[in-house]
Amino acid sequence: MFEYIRGFVAGKDAESVVVDVGGVGFKIFTSLYSASECEEGEEVKFFTYMSVKEDDISLFGFTTYNELICFKELIGVNGVGPKVAISLLSQITVPDFSAAVVTGNHKLLSKVKGIGPKLAQRIVLELKDRLAGKALEGSSDDMQPSTESPSFFVKDQTFEDAVEALCVLGHNRAKARAIVASVYKEGMKLEDIVKASLSV
């Protein structure tokens, strides 16, 4: 219903931020990372997701679109509800989360409160499957990268893992390869490549 909400911070606590939009206060449940970027009285923009249940309507939102994408992916996994997804995104950054999924590092995810080893493994497995499906997106000729650029022929596995991480965050494969190629340097760690790519 709401793509995003822009307004002024009227207040916040450990799990939510109240955004005043024309005299109406929207309580938005968010991660610690997004909440830390908000100061009372400042203008903010939250990318939002509305959860509608029989006995509850809640608004979840984040200051970056990539964080919202991660949230949506997480709640699509069987056994992961909004509160668990928020908890994970409060303890693991978006680049570290996407890197963990791509590399199969379920042990990192299992350290989050509310996520045991089995659920962590399920998150990695299901999101990798979705990632494989997304690889088909953006495959038309006009979306393919130019073969004239040698950057697209990089065979380093870390480069390819970084591309997969961006795909997890919603980029089509052609765009992801172009972004990673623009920041990639031989010897870079996966986390550094992903973080640099997200700042492009």
N, C-alpha and C. Protein backbone atom coordinates (compact mmCIF):
# COMPACT_ATOMS: atom_id res chain seq x y z
N MET A 1 0.83 -1.21 0.00
CA MET A 1 0.00 0.00 0.00
C MET A 1 0.86 1.26 0.00
N PHE A 2 1.89 1.29 0.87
CA PHE A 2 2.79 2.43 0.92
C PHE A 2 4.15 2.01 0.36
N GLU A 3 4.60 2.67 -0.70
CA GLU A 3 5.92 2.38 -1.25
C GLU A 3 7.00 2.94 -0.34
N TYR A 4 6.77 4.16 0.11
CA TYR A 4 7.68 4.78 1.08
C TYR A 4 6.94 5.88 1.83
N ILE A 5 7.50 6.27 2.95
CA ILE A 5 6.93 7.35 3.76
C ILE A 5 8.03 8.37 4.06
N ARG A 6 7.75 9.62 3.75
CA ARG A 6 8.71 10.68 4.03
C ARG A 6 8.08 11.67 5.02
N GLY A 7 8.83 12.00 6.05
CA GLY A 7 8.33 12.94 7.03
C GLY A 7 9.39 13.26 8.06
N PHE A 8 8.97 13.73 9.21
CA PHE A 8 9.91 14.11 10.26
C PHE A 8 9.82 13.15 11.44
N VAL A 9 10.96 12.85 12.01
CA VAL A 9 11.00 11.93 13.14
C VAL A 9 10.37 12.58 14.37
N ALA A 10 9.29 11.98 14.85
CA ALA A 10 8.61 12.51 16.03
C ALA A 10 9.07 11.81 17.30
N GLY A 11 9.70 10.65 17.13
CA GLY A 11 10.18 9.89 18.28
C GLY A 11 10.67 8.53 17.83
N LYS A 12 11.42 7.87 18.69
CA LYS A 12 11.87 6.52 18.36
C LYS A 12 12.26 5.78 19.63
N ASP A 13 12.27 4.44 19.51
CA ASP A 13 12.74 3.60 20.61
C ASP A 13 13.59 2.50 20.02
N ALA A 14 13.81 1.43 20.76
CA ALA A 14 14.72 0.39 20.33
C ALA A 14 14.22 -0.39 19.11
N GLU A 15 12.91 -0.37 18.86
CA GLU A 15 12.38 -1.19 17.76
C GLU A 15 11.55 -0.45 16.73
N SER A 16 11.32 0.83 16.94
CA SER A 16 10.48 1.56 15.99
C SER A 16 10.81 3.04 15.93
N VAL A 17 10.33 3.67 14.85
CA VAL A 17 10.47 5.11 14.66
C VAL A 17 9.10 5.66 14.30
N VAL A 18 8.71 6.76 14.91
CA VAL A 18 7.45 7.42 14.57
C VAL A 18 7.75 8.56 13.62
N VAL A 19 7.17 8.49 12.42
CA VAL A 19 7.39 9.50 11.40
C VAL A 19 6.13 10.34 11.24
N ASP A 20 6.26 11.63 11.45
CA ASP A 20 5.14 12.57 11.34
C ASP A 20 5.02 13.04 9.89
N VAL A 21 3.87 12.73 9.28
CA VAL A 21 3.59 13.16 7.91
C VAL A 21 2.32 14.01 7.91
N GLY A 22 2.50 15.29 7.86
CA GLY A 22 1.35 16.19 7.85
C GLY A 22 0.47 16.07 9.07
N GLY A 23 1.05 15.82 10.23
CA GLY A 23 0.28 15.72 11.46
C GLY A 23 -0.19 14.32 11.79
N VAL A 24 0.13 13.36 10.92
CA VAL A 24 -0.22 11.96 11.18
C VAL A 24 1.06 11.20 11.51
N GLY A 25 1.05 10.51 12.66
CA GLY A 25 2.24 9.78 13.07
C GLY A 25 2.19 8.32 12.65
N PHE A 26 3.13 7.91 11.82
CA PHE A 26 3.23 6.52 11.38
C PHE A 26 4.28 5.81 12.22
N LYS A 27 3.87 4.75 12.94
CA LYS A 27 4.82 3.96 13.71
C LYS A 27 5.40 2.90 12.80
N ILE A 28 6.70 2.99 12.57
CA ILE A 28 7.37 2.07 11.65
C ILE A 28 8.36 1.21 12.41
N PHE A 29 8.15 -0.08 12.38
CA PHE A 29 9.09 -1.01 13.01
C PHE A 29 10.29 -1.15 12.09
N THR A 30 11.48 -1.06 12.66
CA THR A 30 12.68 -1.04 11.83
C THR A 30 13.85 -1.70 12.53
N SER A 31 14.98 -1.76 11.83
CA SER A 31 16.19 -2.36 12.39
C SER A 31 16.97 -1.31 13.18
N LEU A 32 17.90 -1.78 13.98
CA LEU A 32 18.75 -0.86 14.74
C LEU A 32 19.59 0.00 13.81
N TYR A 33 19.98 -0.56 12.67
CA TYR A 33 20.80 0.19 11.72
C TYR A 33 20.03 1.38 11.16
N SER A 34 18.79 1.14 10.74
CA SER A 34 17.98 2.24 10.21
C SER A 34 17.62 3.24 11.29
N ALA A 35 17.28 2.74 12.48
CA ALA A 35 16.90 3.62 13.58
C ALA A 35 18.07 4.53 13.99
N SER A 36 19.27 3.99 13.89
CA SER A 36 20.45 4.78 14.30
C SER A 36 20.71 5.95 13.38
N GLU A 37 20.14 5.91 12.17
CA GLU A 37 20.34 6.99 11.22
C GLU A 37 19.30 8.09 11.37
N CYS A 38 18.38 7.92 12.32
CA CYS A 38 17.30 8.90 12.50
C CYS A 38 17.49 9.71 13.77
N GLU A 39 17.33 10.99 13.65
CA GLU A 39 17.38 11.89 14.81
C GLU A 39 16.06 12.63 14.90
N GLU A 40 15.57 12.79 16.10
CA GLU A 40 14.28 13.45 16.31
C GLU A 40 14.29 14.85 15.70
N GLY A 41 13.24 15.14 14.93
CA GLY A 41 13.11 16.44 14.29
C GLY A 41 13.65 16.48 12.87
N GLU A 42 14.45 15.48 12.50
CA GLU A 42 15.03 15.45 11.15
C GLU A 42 14.07 14.81 10.15
N GLU A 43 14.21 15.21 8.89
CA GLU A 43 13.39 14.61 7.83
C GLU A 43 13.99 13.26 7.44
N VAL A 44 13.14 12.25 7.27
CA VAL A 44 13.60 10.92 6.90
C VAL A 44 12.70 10.34 5.81
N LYS A 45 13.21 9.31 5.16
CA LYS A 45 12.42 8.58 4.17
C LYS A 45 12.58 7.10 4.46
N PHE A 46 11.46 6.41 4.67
CA PHE A 46 11.47 4.98 4.95
C PHE A 46 10.81 4.23 3.79
N PHE A 47 11.50 3.22 3.28
CA PHE A 47 10.91 2.32 2.30
C PHE A 47 10.15 1.28 3.11
N THR A 48 8.88 1.09 2.81
CA THR A 48 8.01 0.38 3.74
C THR A 48 7.36 -0.90 3.20
N TYR A 49 6.94 -1.70 4.16
CA TYR A 49 6.19 -2.93 3.88
C TYR A 49 5.10 -3.04 4.94
N MET A 50 3.85 -3.23 4.49
CA MET A 50 2.74 -3.34 5.43
C MET A 50 2.36 -4.80 5.63
N SER A 51 2.36 -5.23 6.88
CA SER A 51 1.96 -6.59 7.23
C SER A 51 0.52 -6.56 7.73
N VAL A 52 -0.35 -7.30 7.06
CA VAL A 52 -1.77 -7.32 7.43
C VAL A 52 -2.16 -8.72 7.88
N LYS A 53 -2.61 -8.82 9.12
CA LYS A 53 -3.10 -10.09 9.67
C LYS A 53 -4.50 -9.87 10.21
N GLU A 54 -5.16 -10.94 10.61
CA GLU A 54 -6.53 -10.83 11.11
C GLU A 54 -6.63 -9.92 12.33
N ASP A 55 -5.62 -9.98 13.19
CA ASP A 55 -5.68 -9.22 14.43
C ASP A 55 -4.62 -8.13 14.54
N ASP A 56 -3.94 -7.84 13.41
CA ASP A 56 -2.87 -6.84 13.50
C ASP A 56 -2.50 -6.28 12.13
N ILE A 57 -2.26 -4.99 12.10
CA ILE A 57 -1.72 -4.32 10.92
C ILE A 57 -0.48 -3.56 11.36
N SER A 58 0.67 -3.93 10.82
CA SER A 58 1.93 -3.29 11.23
C SER A 58 2.68 -2.79 10.01
N LEU A 59 3.43 -1.72 10.22
CA LEU A 59 4.21 -1.12 9.16
C LEU A 59 5.69 -1.31 9.46
N PHE A 60 6.40 -1.90 8.53
CA PHE A 60 7.84 -2.11 8.67
C PHE A 60 8.54 -1.25 7.62
N GLY A 61 9.68 -0.70 7.99
CA GLY A 61 10.36 0.16 7.02
C GLY A 61 11.84 0.31 7.31
N PHE A 62 12.56 0.76 6.29
CA PHE A 62 14.00 0.90 6.39
C PHE A 62 14.46 2.12 5.62
N THR A 63 15.58 2.67 6.02
CA THR A 63 16.08 3.88 5.37
C THR A 63 16.76 3.60 4.04
N THR A 64 17.05 2.33 3.75
CA THR A 64 17.62 1.97 2.44
C THR A 64 16.75 0.92 1.79
N TYR A 65 16.67 0.98 0.47
CA TYR A 65 15.85 0.04 -0.27
C TYR A 65 16.43 -1.37 -0.20
N ASN A 66 17.76 -1.47 -0.17
CA ASN A 66 18.40 -2.78 -0.09
C ASN A 66 18.01 -3.52 1.18
N GLU A 67 17.88 -2.77 2.28
CA GLU A 67 17.49 -3.40 3.54
C GLU A 67 16.05 -3.91 3.46
N LEU A 68 15.20 -3.15 2.79
CA LEU A 68 13.82 -3.59 2.60
C LEU A 68 13.77 -4.86 1.76
N ILE A 69 14.59 -4.94 0.73
CA ILE A 69 14.64 -6.14 -0.11
C ILE A 69 15.02 -7.35 0.72
N CYS A 70 16.04 -7.20 1.56
CA CYS A 70 16.47 -8.30 2.43
C CYS A 70 15.33 -8.73 3.35
N PHE A 71 14.63 -7.75 3.90
CA PHE A 71 13.51 -8.04 4.80
C PHE A 71 12.44 -8.86 4.08
N LYS A 72 12.07 -8.45 2.88
CA LYS A 72 11.04 -9.15 2.11
C LYS A 72 11.48 -10.57 1.78
N GLU A 73 12.76 -10.71 1.42
CA GLU A 73 13.27 -12.05 1.12
C GLU A 73 13.20 -12.94 2.36
N LEU A 74 13.57 -12.39 3.49
CA LEU A 74 13.60 -13.17 4.73
C LEU A 74 12.22 -13.64 5.16
N ILE A 75 11.22 -12.76 5.13
CA ILE A 75 9.89 -13.14 5.59
C ILE A 75 9.23 -14.11 4.61
N GLY A 76 9.82 -14.27 3.44
CA GLY A 76 9.31 -15.24 2.49
C GLY A 76 9.82 -16.65 2.78
N VAL A 77 10.75 -16.76 3.71
CA VAL A 77 11.29 -18.06 4.10
C VAL A 77 10.40 -18.67 5.18
N ASN A 78 10.04 -19.91 5.02
CA ASN A 78 9.19 -20.59 5.99
C ASN A 78 9.85 -20.59 7.37
N GLY A 79 9.13 -20.06 8.36
CA GLY A 79 9.66 -20.02 9.72
C GLY A 79 10.25 -18.69 10.11
N VAL A 80 10.33 -17.76 9.16
CA VAL A 80 10.88 -16.43 9.46
C VAL A 80 9.76 -15.39 9.41
N GLY A 81 9.42 -14.84 10.56
CA GLY A 81 8.41 -13.79 10.63
C GLY A 81 9.06 -12.42 10.63
N PRO A 82 8.27 -11.37 10.59
CA PRO A 82 8.80 -10.01 10.57
C PRO A 82 9.73 -9.70 11.75
N LYS A 83 9.38 -10.17 12.95
CA LYS A 83 10.20 -9.86 14.12
C LYS A 83 11.57 -10.53 14.03
N VAL A 84 11.61 -11.76 13.55
CA VAL A 84 12.88 -12.46 13.39
C VAL A 84 13.72 -11.78 12.30
N ALA A 85 13.05 -11.37 11.22
CA ALA A 85 13.76 -10.69 10.13
C ALA A 85 14.37 -9.38 10.62
N ILE A 86 13.60 -8.64 11.41
CA ILE A 86 14.10 -7.38 11.97
C ILE A 86 15.29 -7.64 12.89
N SER A 87 15.19 -8.68 13.70
CA SER A 87 16.27 -9.04 14.61
C SER A 87 17.55 -9.34 13.84
N LEU A 88 17.41 -10.10 12.75
CA LEU A 88 18.58 -10.44 11.95
C LEU A 88 19.20 -9.19 11.34
N LEU A 89 18.36 -8.32 10.77
CA LEU A 89 18.87 -7.11 10.12
C LEU A 89 19.39 -6.08 11.12
N SER A 90 19.08 -6.30 12.39
CA SER A 90 19.61 -5.41 13.44
C SER A 90 20.99 -5.85 13.89
N GLN A 91 21.33 -7.11 13.59
CA GLN A 91 22.60 -7.66 14.05
C GLN A 91 23.60 -7.94 12.93
N ILE A 92 23.09 -8.01 11.69
CA ILE A 92 23.95 -8.28 10.54
C ILE A 92 23.68 -7.24 9.47
N THR A 93 24.71 -6.63 8.94
CA THR A 93 24.54 -5.62 7.90
C THR A 93 24.07 -6.27 6.60
N VAL A 94 23.52 -5.47 5.72
CA VAL A 94 23.04 -5.96 4.43
C VAL A 94 24.16 -6.65 3.63
N PRO A 95 25.34 -6.03 3.51
CA PRO A 95 26.42 -6.70 2.76
C PRO A 95 26.82 -8.03 3.38
N ASP A 96 26.89 -8.08 4.72
CA ASP A 96 27.28 -9.33 5.39
C ASP A 96 26.19 -10.40 5.22
N PHE A 97 24.93 -9.97 5.24
CA PHE A 97 23.83 -10.92 5.05
C PHE A 97 23.87 -11.52 3.65
N SER A 98 23.98 -10.66 2.63
CA SER A 98 23.99 -11.17 1.26
C SER A 98 25.20 -12.04 1.00
N ALA A 99 26.34 -11.67 1.59
CA ALA A 99 27.55 -12.47 1.43
C ALA A 99 27.38 -13.83 2.10
N ALA A 100 26.72 -13.86 3.26
CA ALA A 100 26.50 -15.11 3.99
C ALA A 100 25.61 -16.06 3.18
N VAL A 101 24.59 -15.50 2.54
CA VAL A 101 23.69 -16.33 1.73
C VAL A 101 24.43 -16.91 0.53
N VAL A 102 25.18 -16.05 -0.15
CA VAL A 102 25.89 -16.49 -1.35
C VAL A 102 26.95 -17.55 -1.04
N THR A 103 27.67 -17.37 0.06
CA THR A 103 28.75 -18.29 0.40
C THR A 103 28.29 -19.47 1.26
N GLY A 104 26.99 -19.48 1.62
CA GLY A 104 26.47 -20.59 2.41
C GLY A 104 26.90 -20.55 3.87
N ASN A 105 27.20 -19.36 4.36
CA ASN A 105 27.67 -19.20 5.74
C ASN A 105 26.49 -19.15 6.70
N HIS A 106 25.83 -20.29 6.90
CA HIS A 106 24.67 -20.33 7.78
C HIS A 106 25.06 -20.18 9.25
N LYS A 107 26.32 -20.44 9.57
CA LYS A 107 26.77 -20.30 10.96
C LYS A 107 26.67 -18.84 11.41
N LEU A 108 26.94 -17.91 10.52
CA LEU A 108 26.82 -16.49 10.87
C LEU A 108 25.37 -16.15 11.19
N LEU A 109 24.45 -16.65 10.40
CA LEU A 109 23.03 -16.36 10.61
C LEU A 109 22.51 -17.01 11.89
N SER A 110 23.04 -18.18 12.23
CA SER A 110 22.56 -18.90 13.42
C SER A 110 22.94 -18.20 14.72
N LYS A 111 23.82 -17.21 14.65
CA LYS A 111 24.21 -16.46 15.84
C LYS A 111 23.14 -15.44 16.25
N VAL A 112 22.21 -15.18 15.34
CA VAL A 112 21.14 -14.20 15.61
C VAL A 112 20.09 -14.81 16.53
N LYS A 113 19.65 -14.05 17.52
CA LYS A 113 18.63 -14.51 18.45
C LYS A 113 17.35 -14.86 17.69
N GLY A 114 16.83 -16.05 17.93
CA GLY A 114 15.61 -16.48 17.27
C GLY A 114 15.86 -17.31 16.02
N ILE A 115 17.13 -17.43 15.64
CA ILE A 115 17.47 -18.22 14.45
C ILE A 115 18.41 -19.35 14.86
N GLY A 116 17.89 -20.56 14.88
CA GLY A 116 18.73 -21.71 15.21
C GLY A 116 19.45 -22.22 13.98
N PRO A 117 20.30 -23.22 14.16
CA PRO A 117 21.07 -23.78 13.04
C PRO A 117 20.20 -24.25 11.87
N LYS A 118 19.08 -24.93 12.18
CA LYS A 118 18.23 -25.46 11.11
C LYS A 118 17.58 -24.33 10.31
N LEU A 119 17.09 -23.31 11.01
CA LEU A 119 16.46 -22.19 10.31
C LEU A 119 17.50 -21.42 9.50
N ALA A 120 18.69 -21.27 10.03
CA ALA A 120 19.76 -20.58 9.31
C ALA A 120 20.08 -21.31 8.01
N GLN A 121 20.14 -22.62 8.07
CA GLN A 121 20.40 -23.42 6.88
C GLN A 121 19.27 -23.28 5.87
N ARG A 122 18.03 -23.22 6.38
CA ARG A 122 16.87 -23.08 5.50
C ARG A 122 16.90 -21.73 4.79
N ILE A 123 17.28 -20.68 5.51
CA ILE A 123 17.36 -19.34 4.92
C ILE A 123 18.35 -19.35 3.76
N VAL A 124 19.53 -19.91 4.00
CA VAL A 124 20.55 -19.96 2.95
C VAL A 124 20.05 -20.77 1.76
N LEU A 125 19.47 -21.93 2.03
CA LEU A 125 19.00 -22.81 0.96
C LEU A 125 17.90 -22.16 0.12
N GLU A 126 16.89 -21.59 0.79
CA GLU A 126 15.77 -21.02 0.06
C GLU A 126 16.14 -19.76 -0.71
N LEU A 127 16.99 -18.93 -0.14
CA LEU A 127 17.37 -17.70 -0.83
C LEU A 127 18.31 -17.99 -1.99
N LYS A 128 19.12 -19.04 -1.86
CA LYS A 128 19.96 -19.42 -2.99
C LYS A 128 19.10 -19.92 -4.15
N ASP A 129 18.02 -20.63 -3.83
CA ASP A 129 17.11 -21.10 -4.86
C ASP A 129 16.45 -19.92 -5.57
N ARG A 130 16.04 -18.94 -4.80
CA ARG A 130 15.41 -17.76 -5.40
C ARG A 130 16.41 -17.01 -6.27
N LEU A 131 17.64 -16.98 -5.79
CA LEU A 131 18.69 -16.31 -6.54
C LEU A 131 18.88 -16.97 -7.90
N ALA A 132 18.82 -18.29 -7.94
CA ALA A 132 18.97 -19.01 -9.19
C ALA A 132 17.86 -18.62 -10.17
N GLY A 133 16.65 -18.40 -9.64
CA GLY A 133 15.54 -17.99 -10.49
C GLY A 133 15.72 -16.58 -11.01
N LYS A 134 16.29 -15.73 -10.16
CA LYS A 134 16.50 -14.34 -10.57
C LYS A 134 17.55 -14.22 -11.65
N ALA A 135 18.39 -15.22 -11.79
CA ALA A 135 19.44 -15.17 -12.79
C ALA A 135 18.86 -15.07 -14.19
N LEU A 136 17.57 -15.45 -14.34
CA LEU A 136 16.92 -15.41 -15.64
C LEU A 136 16.41 -14.02 -15.98
N GLU A 137 16.32 -13.14 -14.97
CA GLU A 137 15.79 -11.81 -15.18
C GLU A 137 16.80 -10.94 -15.92
N GLY A 138 16.29 -10.00 -16.70
CA GLY A 138 17.16 -9.06 -17.38
C GLY A 138 18.04 -9.73 -18.42
N SER A 139 17.53 -10.80 -19.07
CA SER A 139 18.35 -11.53 -20.01
C SER A 139 18.16 -11.09 -21.45
N SER A 140 17.36 -10.04 -21.67
CA SER A 140 17.16 -9.56 -23.03
C SER A 140 18.45 -8.93 -23.54
N ASP A 141 18.57 -8.83 -24.86
CA ASP A 141 19.81 -8.35 -25.47
C ASP A 141 20.19 -6.96 -25.00
N ASP A 142 19.21 -6.09 -24.82
CA ASP A 142 19.53 -4.72 -24.43
C ASP A 142 19.98 -4.62 -22.98
N MET A 143 19.87 -5.72 -22.19
CA MET A 143 20.31 -5.70 -20.80
C MET A 143 21.67 -6.35 -20.63
N GLN A 144 22.23 -6.90 -21.67
CA GLN A 144 23.50 -7.60 -21.54
C GLN A 144 24.65 -6.60 -21.55
N PRO A 145 25.71 -6.86 -20.76
CA PRO A 145 26.87 -5.99 -20.74
C PRO A 145 27.66 -6.11 -22.03
N SER A 146 28.35 -5.06 -22.37
CA SER A 146 29.18 -5.07 -23.56
C SER A 146 30.33 -6.04 -23.39
N THR A 147 30.55 -6.87 -24.42
CA THR A 147 31.64 -7.83 -24.35
C THR A 147 32.98 -7.18 -24.65
N GLU A 148 32.97 -5.87 -24.96
CA GLU A 148 34.20 -5.17 -25.24
C GLU A 148 34.98 -4.87 -23.97
N SER A 149 34.30 -4.89 -22.83
CA SER A 149 34.96 -4.58 -21.56
C SER A 149 35.58 -5.83 -20.96
N PRO A 150 36.90 -5.84 -20.74
CA PRO A 150 37.55 -7.03 -20.18
C PRO A 150 37.12 -7.34 -18.77
N SER A 151 36.51 -6.38 -18.08
CA SER A 151 36.10 -6.59 -16.69
C SER A 151 35.08 -7.72 -16.57
N PHE A 152 34.29 -7.92 -17.64
CA PHE A 152 33.25 -8.93 -17.57
C PHE A 152 33.78 -10.35 -17.77
N PHE A 153 35.08 -10.47 -18.03
CA PHE A 153 35.66 -11.78 -18.22
C PHE A 153 36.47 -12.22 -17.02
N VAL A 154 36.31 -11.49 -15.90
CA VAL A 154 37.03 -11.85 -14.68
C VAL A 154 36.58 -13.23 -14.22
N LYS A 155 37.51 -14.11 -13.94
CA LYS A 155 37.18 -15.48 -13.56
C LYS A 155 37.30 -15.71 -12.06
N ASP A 156 37.73 -14.69 -11.32
CA ASP A 156 37.91 -14.82 -9.88
C ASP A 156 36.59 -15.19 -9.22
N GLN A 157 36.61 -16.22 -8.37
CA GLN A 157 35.39 -16.68 -7.72
C GLN A 157 34.79 -15.63 -6.80
N THR A 158 35.65 -14.82 -6.17
CA THR A 158 35.16 -13.77 -5.28
C THR A 158 34.34 -12.76 -6.06
N PHE A 159 34.80 -12.44 -7.26
CA PHE A 159 34.05 -11.54 -8.14
C PHE A 159 32.65 -12.11 -8.41
N GLU A 160 32.61 -13.40 -8.75
CA GLU A 160 31.32 -14.03 -9.06
C GLU A 160 30.42 -14.09 -7.83
N ASP A 161 31.01 -14.32 -6.66
CA ASP A 161 30.23 -14.35 -5.42
C ASP A 161 29.62 -12.98 -5.14
N ALA A 162 30.38 -11.92 -5.44
CA ALA A 162 29.87 -10.56 -5.23
C ALA A 162 28.70 -10.28 -6.17
N VAL A 163 28.79 -10.76 -7.39
CA VAL A 163 27.68 -10.61 -8.34
C VAL A 163 26.43 -11.30 -7.81
N GLU A 164 26.62 -12.51 -7.28
CA GLU A 164 25.49 -13.25 -6.72
C GLU A 164 24.87 -12.50 -5.54
N ALA A 165 25.72 -11.86 -4.73
CA ALA A 165 25.24 -11.11 -3.57
C ALA A 165 24.34 -9.96 -4.01
N LEU A 166 24.72 -9.27 -5.07
CA LEU A 166 23.89 -8.17 -5.57
C LEU A 166 22.59 -8.69 -6.16
N CYS A 167 22.63 -9.87 -6.75
CA CYS A 167 21.41 -10.47 -7.28
C CYS A 167 20.43 -10.77 -6.14
N VAL A 168 20.97 -11.19 -5.00
CA VAL A 168 20.13 -11.44 -3.82
C VAL A 168 19.40 -10.16 -3.43
N LEU A 169 20.06 -9.03 -3.64
CA LEU A 169 19.48 -7.75 -3.25
C LEU A 169 18.56 -7.16 -4.32
N GLY A 170 18.33 -7.91 -5.39
CA GLY A 170 17.33 -7.46 -6.36
C GLY A 170 17.85 -7.00 -7.70
N HIS A 171 19.17 -6.89 -7.88
CA HIS A 171 19.71 -6.47 -9.17
C HIS A 171 19.61 -7.61 -10.17
N ASN A 172 19.35 -7.30 -11.45
CA ASN A 172 19.44 -8.36 -12.44
C ASN A 172 20.92 -8.64 -12.68
N ARG A 173 21.22 -9.80 -13.26
CA ARG A 173 22.61 -10.24 -13.33
C ARG A 173 23.49 -9.31 -14.14
N ALA A 174 22.98 -8.78 -15.25
CA ALA A 174 23.79 -7.91 -16.09
C ALA A 174 24.21 -6.64 -15.34
N LYS A 175 23.25 -6.03 -14.63
CA LYS A 175 23.55 -4.83 -13.88
C LYS A 175 24.50 -5.12 -12.74
N ALA A 176 24.29 -6.27 -12.08
CA ALA A 176 25.15 -6.64 -10.95
C ALA A 176 26.60 -6.81 -11.41
N ARG A 177 26.80 -7.45 -12.56
CA ARG A 177 28.15 -7.64 -13.06
C ARG A 177 28.80 -6.31 -13.40
N ALA A 178 28.01 -5.39 -13.96
CA ALA A 178 28.55 -4.08 -14.33
C ALA A 178 28.99 -3.31 -13.09
N ILE A 179 28.17 -3.36 -12.04
CA ILE A 179 28.49 -2.64 -10.80
C ILE A 179 29.74 -3.22 -10.15
N VAL A 180 29.77 -4.54 -10.03
CA VAL A 180 30.93 -5.18 -9.39
C VAL A 180 32.21 -4.91 -10.18
N ALA A 181 32.09 -4.97 -11.50
CA ALA A 181 33.27 -4.73 -12.34
C ALA A 181 33.82 -3.32 -12.14
N SER A 182 32.95 -2.37 -11.81
CA SER A 182 33.39 -0.99 -11.66
C SER A 182 34.17 -0.75 -10.37
N VAL A 183 34.01 -1.64 -9.38
CA VAL A 183 34.69 -1.44 -8.09
C VAL A 183 35.72 -2.52 -7.80
N TYR A 184 35.67 -3.60 -8.57
CA TYR A 184 36.51 -4.76 -8.27
C TYR A 184 38.00 -4.51 -8.49
N LYS A 185 38.79 -4.97 -7.54
CA LYS A 185 40.25 -4.97 -7.67
C LYS A 185 40.74 -6.33 -7.19
N GLU A 186 41.70 -6.87 -7.88
CA GLU A 186 42.20 -8.20 -7.55
C GLU A 186 42.68 -8.25 -6.10
N GLY A 187 42.25 -9.28 -5.38
CA GLY A 187 42.67 -9.44 -4.00
C GLY A 187 41.68 -8.91 -2.98
N MET A 188 40.63 -8.21 -3.45
CA MET A 188 39.63 -7.67 -2.53
C MET A 188 38.84 -8.80 -1.88
N LYS A 189 38.44 -8.58 -0.61
CA LYS A 189 37.59 -9.54 0.08
C LYS A 189 36.16 -9.38 -0.39
N LEU A 190 35.38 -10.45 -0.28
CA LEU A 190 34.00 -10.43 -0.74
C LEU A 190 33.19 -9.32 -0.07
N GLU A 191 33.32 -9.21 1.25
CA GLU A 191 32.55 -8.20 1.99
C GLU A 191 32.88 -6.79 1.50
N ASP A 192 34.15 -6.55 1.20
CA ASP A 192 34.57 -5.21 0.74
C ASP A 192 34.02 -4.91 -0.66
N ILE A 193 33.99 -5.94 -1.50
CA ILE A 193 33.45 -5.73 -2.85
C ILE A 193 31.96 -5.40 -2.78
N VAL A 194 31.24 -6.14 -1.95
CA VAL A 194 29.80 -5.92 -1.83
C VAL A 194 29.50 -4.53 -1.28
N LYS A 195 30.24 -4.16 -0.23
CA LYS A 195 30.02 -2.83 0.39
C LYS A 195 30.32 -1.72 -0.61
N ALA A 196 31.40 -1.87 -1.38
CA ALA A 196 31.75 -0.86 -2.37
C ALA A 196 30.70 -0.80 -3.47
N SER A 197 30.17 -1.95 -3.86
CA SER A 197 29.15 -2.01 -4.91
C SER A 197 27.87 -1.32 -4.49
N LEU A 198 27.51 -1.46 -3.20
CA LEU A 198 26.28 -0.86 -2.71
C LEU A 198 26.36 0.66 -2.61
N SER A 199 27.59 1.19 -2.64
CA SER A 199 27.75 2.64 -2.56
C SER A 199 27.79 3.30 -3.94
N VAL A 200 27.78 2.48 -4.99
CA VAL A 200 27.83 3.02 -6.36
C VAL A 200 26.51 3.66 -6.72
